[in-house]
C-alpha cells in the first residue's frame, strides 16, 4: 500500500514538474533557473562527465564532435595554426580568428586581431595606446574592419601579420602601414616587429570550462530538438593563453617605443560566426603584478546560451582554477547600451572568493560583422583583485540594435 502511495505521489510530482511554467527571462533575454532545472542539471552533469571521459581516451579527433568536454584537434600543433575553412557553400560564415591584447601599469595597451572568413575576407583590428598620444588605430578601420587578406593561408591583412612560431609558445606580430592618432586626427606611418611569448598554459574552452557553469547555462534554457541543433550549430573551438608582447614600435614623428605589455591571445575556429547571434558579452582579461592571469566574463547568445558565465585564474606557478560563480550580471551592468566606466564584481575560482574592481582608463569603439552587426567597446583598464594591482582589457559587445542605440540598425 505504501508503495502505491509513494508511486502516486511521485507521478503527481513529475506531472506538476512537467507542466510548471518557466519564469520570465530577465530583461526579456537572460533565462532564469526554472522548475525543472535541478533534474536537467544532474542529467547534463552526467553527460559532460561521459564526454570528458571520452576525451581522455581519444588518440586523435577530426573535430566533428568537439566541444562540451571533447577537444577539436589531436595536438597543440594542429590547433595553433591557420585552419582550412570548410566548403563555402555549406558554411558561408565559417571563421578562423586570432586576437591579441595586452597592457601594463604605465598605461601602454595593444590590441590586434584578424578573423579569416570566406572569399579571402579578413576582419581586422589594430589599436595601440600610449600615455602621451592616447589611442592610435589602424587607418583602415575608419572605413571598415572587413579587408582583403594579403595571404589566404595566413592571419594577414591591412599591413598586419601574425605568425605562429612555436605552438602555444611564441608568435610574431608585424605591421607596416598607416595609423590614426584618434585624439588629433593625424595619420602617421607606424611599423613594428613584436614577439609574443606565453607565460601560462592554454585554456581550451572545449575541455577546460567548468562543468558547473556550462551545465548551469544549458539547463536554464528550454530544451527541445531544435535547441540542441542550435547549440551544436553555434559551437566554435576557442582557446586562450596569457603572454608578454615585447619589441620596438616606430611612430612617425614620435620616435621609437620599446613595448613590454602582458595580456591574452586567443584562437577561435568553427563552421559559423554570425555576430547577429550575439546579444551581448562583457569579458575582462587582467594580468596582476605577480603575473596571476585572470579572465571573467558573461556571454549572451539567446538562441543557444542566454547567460554563459566563463572565466579562470592562472596562478604564477601555472596552477589553473576555473570560475564557478560570480555576482557579475549583464542585466545589471550596461543594459542601457552604456558600459560602466567602473564596476566591481565578486567571483569564486578554486574554492576561493575574489573581489574585482575594474576602472576604464580609455576606450575605443568599432563595428564588426557582415555590415555593422555589432558594436564593440575595447576598454583599456586598470584592475584591482583582492588588493593586488593589475591591468588589461575589458571588451563589451552589443548587438547593433535600436534597443541599445538610437541609431542602431541604421548606420
Protein backbone atom coordinates (compact mmCIF):
# COMPACT_ATOMS: atom_id res chain seq x y z
CA UNK A 1 0.00 0.00 0.00
CA UNK A 2 2.78 2.41 0.92
CA UNK A 3 4.50 1.63 -2.39
CA UNK A 4 1.34 2.61 -4.33
CA UNK A 5 1.04 5.86 -2.40
CA UNK A 6 4.69 6.74 -2.98
CA UNK A 7 4.34 5.91 -6.67
CA UNK A 8 1.25 8.09 -6.97
CA UNK A 9 2.96 10.97 -5.18
CA UNK A 10 5.97 10.57 -7.44
CA UNK A 11 3.83 10.59 -10.58
CA UNK A 12 1.92 13.67 -9.42
CA UNK A 13 5.19 15.43 -8.67
CA UNK A 14 6.57 14.65 -12.12
CA UNK A 15 3.35 15.78 -13.80
CA UNK A 16 3.37 19.02 -11.83
CA UNK A 17 7.04 19.50 -12.65
CA UNK A 18 6.41 18.91 -16.35
CA UNK A 19 3.60 21.45 -16.59
CA UNK A 20 5.10 24.08 -14.27
CA UNK A 21 5.65 27.35 -16.17
CA UNK A 22 9.13 28.72 -16.81
CA UNK A 23 9.99 32.05 -15.13
CA UNK A 24 10.18 35.04 -17.44
CA UNK A 25 13.69 35.89 -18.71
CA UNK A 26 15.37 38.85 -17.00
CA UNK A 27 15.21 41.91 -19.29
CA UNK A 28 13.35 39.68 -21.72
CA UNK A 29 16.59 37.88 -22.62
CA UNK A 30 18.51 36.21 -19.78
CA UNK A 31 16.92 32.88 -18.84
CA UNK A 32 16.44 32.03 -15.17
CA UNK A 33 16.54 28.67 -13.43
CA UNK A 34 13.16 27.04 -13.90
CA UNK A 35 11.23 24.33 -12.01
CA UNK A 36 12.96 21.52 -13.95
CA UNK A 37 16.43 22.99 -13.54
CA UNK A 38 17.71 20.59 -10.86
CA UNK A 39 16.70 17.46 -12.79
CA UNK A 40 18.20 18.81 -16.01
CA UNK A 41 21.37 19.87 -14.18
CA UNK A 42 22.03 16.40 -12.73
CA UNK A 43 21.41 14.80 -16.12
CA UNK A 44 23.66 17.20 -18.01
CA UNK A 45 26.50 16.94 -15.48
CA UNK A 46 26.46 13.20 -16.23
CA UNK A 47 26.62 13.89 -19.97
CA UNK A 48 29.60 16.22 -19.50
CA UNK A 49 31.37 13.66 -17.32
CA UNK A 50 30.93 10.98 -20.00
CA UNK A 51 32.23 13.32 -22.72
CA UNK A 52 35.26 14.29 -20.63
CA UNK A 53 35.96 10.61 -20.08
CA UNK A 54 35.70 10.04 -23.84
CA UNK A 55 38.10 12.91 -24.48
CA UNK A 56 40.78 11.33 -22.27
CA UNK A 57 40.57 8.12 -24.31
CA UNK A 58 40.86 9.82 -27.72
CA UNK A 59 44.18 9.45 -29.51
CA UNK A 60 43.06 11.63 -32.44
CA UNK A 61 39.99 13.62 -33.43
CA UNK A 62 38.54 15.24 -36.54
CA UNK A 63 36.76 17.98 -34.61
CA UNK A 64 33.29 16.97 -35.77
CA UNK A 65 32.21 16.13 -32.22
CA UNK A 66 34.21 18.87 -30.48
CA UNK A 67 33.03 20.87 -27.51
CA UNK A 68 31.36 20.17 -24.18
CA UNK A 69 34.29 18.11 -22.90
CA UNK A 70 35.80 16.88 -26.19
CA UNK A 71 38.79 18.54 -27.87
CA UNK A 72 38.82 19.61 -31.52
CA UNK A 73 42.31 18.54 -32.60
CA UNK A 74 44.77 15.82 -31.72
CA UNK A 75 47.70 18.06 -30.84
CA UNK A 76 48.59 21.67 -29.94
CA UNK A 77 50.42 21.97 -33.27
CA UNK A 78 47.22 21.17 -35.18
CA UNK A 79 45.27 23.68 -33.08
CA UNK A 80 47.71 26.58 -33.20
CA UNK A 81 47.96 27.03 -36.97
CA UNK A 82 45.77 28.66 -39.61
CA UNK A 83 42.85 26.29 -40.17
CA UNK A 84 41.39 25.27 -43.51
CA UNK A 85 37.97 26.89 -43.85
CA UNK A 86 35.21 24.42 -44.81
CA UNK A 87 33.30 24.48 -48.09
CA UNK A 88 31.78 27.94 -48.60
CA UNK A 89 28.53 26.52 -49.96
CA UNK A 90 27.85 24.58 -46.76
CA UNK A 91 29.43 27.05 -44.32
CA UNK A 92 29.42 30.62 -45.69
CA UNK A 93 30.06 32.13 -42.22
CA UNK A 94 32.99 29.91 -41.20
CA UNK A 95 35.76 31.57 -39.21
CA UNK A 96 39.38 31.17 -38.17
CA UNK A 97 40.39 34.08 -35.93
CA UNK A 98 43.25 35.15 -33.69
CA UNK A 99 43.20 38.02 -31.21
CA UNK A 100 45.88 39.59 -29.01
CA UNK A 101 45.50 42.14 -26.22
CA UNK A 102 47.95 43.42 -23.63
CA UNK A 103 48.71 46.31 -21.30
CA UNK A 104 50.98 47.45 -18.50
CA UNK A 105 50.99 49.61 -15.38
CA UNK A 106 52.36 52.61 -17.27
CA UNK A 107 49.29 52.99 -19.49
CA UNK A 108 50.51 51.27 -22.66
CA UNK A 109 47.98 48.97 -24.33
CA UNK A 110 47.93 46.89 -27.51
CA UNK A 111 45.11 45.10 -29.36
CA UNK A 112 45.33 43.29 -32.70
CA UNK A 113 43.07 40.74 -34.39
CA UNK A 114 42.48 39.03 -37.70
CA UNK A 115 39.45 36.85 -38.40
CA UNK A 116 39.78 34.85 -41.62
CA UNK A 117 36.44 34.46 -43.39
CA UNK A 118 35.33 33.01 -46.73
CA UNK A 119 36.44 34.57 -50.05
CA UNK A 120 39.73 35.79 -48.50
CA UNK A 121 37.92 38.36 -46.35
CA UNK A 122 39.70 39.21 -43.08
CA UNK A 123 38.04 41.17 -40.28
CA UNK A 124 40.97 43.16 -38.89
CA UNK A 125 41.59 45.31 -35.80
CA UNK A 126 44.63 47.23 -34.63
CA UNK A 127 44.94 49.53 -31.61
CA UNK A 128 47.92 50.96 -29.78
CA UNK A 129 47.62 53.24 -26.77
CA UNK A 130 50.44 55.30 -25.28
CA UNK A 131 50.20 57.67 -22.29
CA UNK A 132 51.39 60.60 -24.44
CA UNK A 133 49.48 60.09 -27.70
CA UNK A 134 46.40 58.29 -26.46
CA UNK A 135 44.81 55.78 -28.82
CA UNK A 136 46.12 55.02 -32.29
CA UNK A 137 44.00 52.83 -34.56
CA UNK A 138 44.68 51.24 -37.93
CA UNK A 139 43.67 53.81 -40.56
CA UNK A 140 41.76 51.11 -42.45
CA UNK A 141 39.29 50.94 -39.54
CA UNK A 142 37.90 54.36 -40.48
CA UNK A 143 36.25 52.67 -43.47
CA UNK A 144 35.69 49.07 -42.43
CA UNK A 145 37.13 46.20 -40.44
CA UNK A 146 36.46 43.92 -43.44
CA UNK A 147 39.64 43.76 -45.53
CA UNK A 148 41.03 41.61 -48.31
CA UNK A 149 43.57 39.16 -46.96
CA UNK A 150 47.16 39.62 -48.08
CA UNK A 151 47.86 35.88 -47.76
CA UNK A 152 44.92 33.42 -47.95
CA UNK A 153 46.70 30.87 -45.73
CA UNK A 154 47.85 33.33 -43.05
CA UNK A 155 46.49 35.74 -40.44
CA UNK A 156 47.35 38.80 -42.52
CA UNK A 157 45.58 41.90 -43.85
CA UNK A 158 45.99 45.68 -43.97
CA UNK A 159 49.73 45.56 -43.32
CA UNK A 160 49.24 43.46 -40.16
CA UNK A 161 50.54 39.90 -39.99
CA UNK A 162 50.50 37.39 -37.12
CA UNK A 163 52.67 34.31 -37.49
CA UNK A 164 52.83 31.27 -35.14
CA UNK A 165 56.48 30.39 -34.47
CA UNK A 166 56.14 27.58 -31.92
CA UNK A 167 52.79 26.08 -30.97
CA UNK A 168 51.40 27.53 -27.73
CA UNK A 169 54.71 29.29 -27.03
CA UNK A 170 55.61 32.07 -29.49
CA UNK A 171 54.02 34.27 -32.16
CA UNK A 172 55.48 37.02 -34.32
CA UNK A 173 53.39 40.18 -34.83
CA UNK A 174 54.38 42.64 -37.57
CA UNK A 175 52.83 45.76 -39.07
CA UNK A 176 53.81 48.38 -41.60
CA UNK A 177 51.23 50.97 -42.56
CA UNK A 178 49.16 53.97 -41.54
CA UNK A 179 47.60 54.52 -38.13
CA UNK A 180 45.37 57.34 -36.95
CA UNK A 181 46.04 59.25 -33.72
CA UNK A 182 42.41 59.42 -32.60
CA UNK A 183 42.83 62.45 -30.34
CA UNK A 184 44.20 64.72 -33.09
CA UNK A 185 43.05 63.03 -36.28
CA UNK A 186 46.66 62.92 -37.52
CA UNK A 187 47.66 59.97 -39.71
CA UNK A 188 51.16 58.61 -39.18
CA UNK A 189 53.33 55.80 -40.52
CA UNK A 190 53.81 53.03 -37.97
CA UNK A 191 55.82 49.85 -38.11
CA UNK A 192 56.60 47.19 -35.56
CA UNK A 193 58.11 43.74 -35.23
CA UNK A 194 56.95 42.21 -31.96
CA UNK A 195 57.32 38.86 -30.21
CA UNK A 196 54.54 37.29 -28.14
CA UNK A 197 55.79 34.76 -25.57
CA UNK A 198 53.47 32.62 -23.42
CA UNK A 199 53.74 32.60 -19.63
CA UNK A 200 50.70 30.38 -18.91
CA UNK A 201 49.41 27.10 -20.33
CA UNK A 202 46.48 27.44 -22.73
CA UNK A 203 42.85 27.26 -21.63
CA UNK A 204 40.74 25.21 -24.08
CA UNK A 205 37.05 26.07 -23.75
CA UNK A 206 36.18 22.71 -25.33
CA UNK A 207 37.71 20.78 -22.43
CA UNK A 208 38.65 23.16 -19.59
CA UNK A 209 35.41 25.04 -18.95
CA UNK A 210 33.94 24.44 -15.52
CA UNK A 211 31.19 21.81 -15.83
CA UNK A 212 29.33 23.80 -13.17
CA UNK A 213 28.98 26.94 -15.30
CA UNK A 214 28.47 25.05 -18.57
CA UNK A 215 25.69 22.88 -17.14
CA UNK A 216 24.13 25.91 -15.44
CA UNK A 217 23.99 27.82 -18.74
CA UNK A 218 22.45 24.97 -20.72
CA UNK A 219 19.98 23.94 -18.02
CA UNK A 220 18.48 27.45 -17.83
CA UNK A 221 17.30 27.06 -21.42
CA UNK A 222 14.14 25.40 -22.74
CA UNK A 223 15.18 22.05 -24.15
CA UNK A 224 14.00 20.72 -27.49
CA UNK A 225 15.47 19.03 -30.54
CA UNK A 226 15.81 22.38 -32.30
CA UNK A 227 17.51 23.87 -29.22
CA UNK A 228 20.26 21.26 -29.24
CA UNK A 229 20.61 21.66 -33.01
CA UNK A 230 21.19 25.40 -32.44
CA UNK A 231 23.64 24.62 -29.64
CA UNK A 232 25.69 22.37 -31.90
CA UNK A 233 25.42 24.85 -34.77
CA UNK A 234 26.78 27.71 -32.66
CA UNK A 235 29.83 25.82 -31.41
CA UNK A 236 33.30 27.22 -32.07
CA UNK A 237 36.57 25.88 -30.75
CA UNK A 238 38.13 28.65 -28.67
CA UNK A 239 41.25 28.69 -26.53
CA UNK A 240 43.15 31.40 -24.69
CA UNK A 241 46.63 31.89 -23.28
CA UNK A 242 48.37 34.72 -21.45
CA UNK A 243 51.77 36.02 -22.50
CA UNK A 244 54.06 39.01 -22.96
CA UNK A 245 54.46 41.17 -26.06
CA UNK A 246 57.90 42.74 -26.45
CA UNK A 247 59.61 44.69 -29.20
CA UNK A 248 60.05 48.09 -30.78
CA UNK A 249 57.31 50.26 -32.29
CA UNK A 250 58.25 53.17 -34.54
CA UNK A 251 55.73 56.01 -34.86
CA UNK A 252 56.43 58.67 -37.48
CA UNK A 253 57.35 61.95 -35.80
CA UNK A 254 57.31 60.41 -32.33
CA UNK A 255 60.31 58.09 -32.35
CA UNK A 256 60.56 54.56 -31.03
CA UNK A 257 58.71 52.85 -28.19
CA UNK A 258 60.16 49.75 -26.54
CA UNK A 259 56.92 47.92 -25.82
CA UNK A 260 56.60 45.44 -22.96
CA UNK A 261 52.99 44.54 -22.21
CA UNK A 262 51.15 41.49 -20.86
CA UNK A 263 47.79 40.03 -21.77
CA UNK A 264 45.88 37.31 -23.56
CA UNK A 265 45.78 35.88 -27.02
CA UNK A 266 43.02 33.65 -28.31
CA UNK A 267 42.28 31.48 -31.32
CA UNK A 268 38.77 30.57 -32.48
CA UNK A 269 37.66 28.42 -35.39
CA UNK A 270 34.39 26.86 -36.43
CA UNK A 271 31.73 26.46 -39.08
CA UNK A 272 29.88 29.63 -38.15
CA UNK A 273 30.42 33.00 -36.55
CA UNK A 274 27.42 35.26 -37.00
CA UNK A 275 27.68 38.45 -34.96
CA UNK A 276 23.90 38.77 -35.07
CA UNK A 277 23.65 35.66 -32.89
CA UNK A 278 25.29 37.56 -30.03
CA UNK A 279 23.05 39.78 -27.94
CA UNK A 280 25.78 40.96 -25.58
CA UNK A 281 29.00 39.94 -23.96
CA UNK A 282 31.35 41.50 -21.41
CA UNK A 283 34.75 39.89 -20.88
CA UNK A 284 37.61 41.07 -18.67
CA UNK A 285 41.24 40.00 -19.15
CA UNK A 286 43.69 41.04 -16.46
CA UNK A 287 47.34 40.44 -15.56
CA UNK A 288 48.18 41.13 -11.92
CA UNK A 289 51.51 42.46 -10.68
CA UNK A 290 52.60 38.96 -9.59
CA UNK A 291 51.77 37.50 -13.07
CA UNK A 292 48.46 35.98 -11.97
CA UNK A 293 46.28 35.89 -15.10
CA UNK A 294 42.52 36.35 -14.78
CA UNK A 295 39.57 36.06 -17.14
CA UNK A 296 35.98 36.81 -16.12
CA UNK A 297 33.06 37.26 -18.47
CA UNK A 298 29.46 36.68 -19.42
CA UNK A 299 28.17 35.87 -22.90
CA UNK A 300 24.58 36.06 -24.13
CA UNK A 301 23.52 34.24 -27.31
CA UNK A 302 19.74 33.96 -26.87
CA UNK A 303 19.29 31.17 -29.44
CA UNK A 304 21.59 28.83 -27.53
CA UNK A 305 23.04 30.23 -24.28
CA UNK A 306 21.39 33.38 -22.97
CA UNK A 307 23.65 33.56 -19.89
CA UNK A 308 27.00 31.80 -20.00
CA UNK A 309 29.45 32.58 -17.21
CA UNK A 310 33.06 31.93 -18.16
CA UNK A 311 36.42 32.55 -16.59
CA UNK A 312 39.55 31.20 -14.98
CA UNK A 313 42.60 32.10 -12.90
CA UNK A 314 46.13 31.03 -13.84
CA UNK A 315 48.41 31.36 -10.82
CA UNK A 316 52.11 32.29 -11.21
CA UNK A 317 53.09 28.61 -10.79
CA UNK A 318 50.79 27.58 -13.67
CA UNK A 319 48.00 26.18 -11.49
CA UNK A 320 44.57 26.62 -13.09
CA UNK A 321 41.32 27.35 -11.25
CA UNK A 322 38.08 27.77 -13.18
CA UNK A 323 35.38 30.28 -12.26
CA UNK A 324 32.27 28.60 -10.84
CA UNK A 325 30.21 31.60 -9.63
CA UNK A 326 30.08 35.37 -9.96
CA UNK A 327 27.97 38.31 -8.87
CA UNK A 328 28.60 39.83 -12.32
CA UNK A 329 25.34 40.08 -14.29
CA UNK A 330 24.81 41.62 -17.73
CA UNK A 331 21.28 42.69 -16.84
CA UNK A 332 22.65 44.87 -14.03
CA UNK A 333 25.54 46.49 -15.92
CA UNK A 334 25.37 48.33 -19.22
CA UNK A 335 21.98 47.03 -20.30
CA UNK A 336 21.19 50.58 -21.47
CA UNK A 337 23.95 50.40 -24.09
CA UNK A 338 26.43 52.39 -21.98
CA UNK A 339 29.22 50.24 -20.48
CA UNK A 340 30.14 51.44 -16.97
CA UNK A 341 33.48 53.23 -16.60
CA UNK A 342 33.98 51.47 -13.29
CA UNK A 343 32.41 48.40 -11.72
CA UNK A 344 33.03 45.80 -9.04
CA UNK A 345 32.32 42.08 -9.16
CA UNK A 346 32.87 39.05 -6.98
CA UNK A 347 33.68 35.59 -8.28
CA UNK A 348 34.85 32.21 -7.00
CA UNK A 349 37.54 30.02 -8.53
CA UNK A 350 39.20 27.03 -6.93
CA UNK A 351 37.01 27.49 -3.87
CA UNK A 352 38.42 30.98 -3.25
CA UNK A 353 36.48 34.25 -3.31
CA UNK A 354 37.86 37.09 -5.42
CA UNK A 355 36.87 40.76 -5.40
CA UNK A 356 37.50 42.54 -8.70
CA UNK A 357 37.46 46.28 -9.37
CA UNK A 358 37.73 47.42 -12.98
CA UNK A 359 38.44 51.07 -13.87
CA UNK A 360 38.46 52.22 -17.51
CA UNK A 361 41.49 54.34 -18.43
CA UNK A 362 40.48 54.84 -22.07
CA UNK A 363 38.35 53.13 -24.68
CA UNK A 364 37.74 52.74 -28.40
CA UNK A 365 34.64 51.64 -30.28
CA UNK A 366 34.32 49.78 -33.55
CA UNK A 367 31.75 47.92 -35.64
CA UNK A 368 32.12 44.36 -36.87
CA UNK A 369 30.14 41.82 -38.86
CA UNK A 370 28.96 41.46 -42.43
CA UNK A 371 27.84 45.07 -42.22
CA UNK A 372 27.73 46.72 -38.83
CA UNK A 373 26.08 43.86 -36.97
CA UNK A 374 27.79 44.54 -33.63
CA UNK A 375 29.32 47.43 -31.69
CA UNK A 376 32.30 46.55 -29.57
CA UNK A 377 33.81 48.74 -26.87
CA UNK A 378 37.50 47.96 -26.40
CA UNK A 379 38.25 49.29 -22.91
CA UNK A 380 41.82 49.78 -21.67
CA UNK A 381 41.67 49.25 -17.91
CA UNK A 382 43.32 49.18 -14.52
CA UNK A 383 42.25 46.36 -12.21
CA UNK A 384 42.46 45.53 -8.54
CA UNK A 385 41.76 41.97 -7.39
CA UNK A 386 41.98 41.06 -3.70
CA UNK A 387 44.25 44.05 -3.13
CA UNK A 388 46.66 43.30 -5.99
CA UNK A 389 47.04 45.79 -8.85
CA UNK A 390 46.64 44.74 -12.46
CA UNK A 391 45.92 45.94 -15.98
CA UNK A 392 44.27 44.62 -19.10
CA UNK A 393 41.31 44.80 -21.45
CA UNK A 394 37.56 44.83 -20.80
CA UNK A 395 35.72 44.08 -24.05
CA UNK A 396 31.97 44.73 -24.20
CA UNK A 397 29.91 43.75 -27.22
CA UNK A 398 26.36 44.79 -28.12
CA UNK A 399 24.11 43.73 -30.95
CA UNK A 400 23.74 46.88 -33.05
CA UNK A 401 20.02 47.28 -32.43
CA UNK A 402 17.67 50.12 -31.54
CA UNK A 403 17.18 48.54 -28.11
CA UNK A 404 20.66 49.76 -27.18
CA UNK A 405 21.33 52.64 -29.56
CA UNK A 406 19.08 55.30 -31.10
CA UNK A 407 20.88 54.91 -34.43
CA UNK A 408 21.10 51.12 -34.23
CA UNK A 409 20.49 49.19 -37.47
CA UNK A 410 20.62 52.43 -39.49
CA UNK A 411 24.36 53.09 -39.73
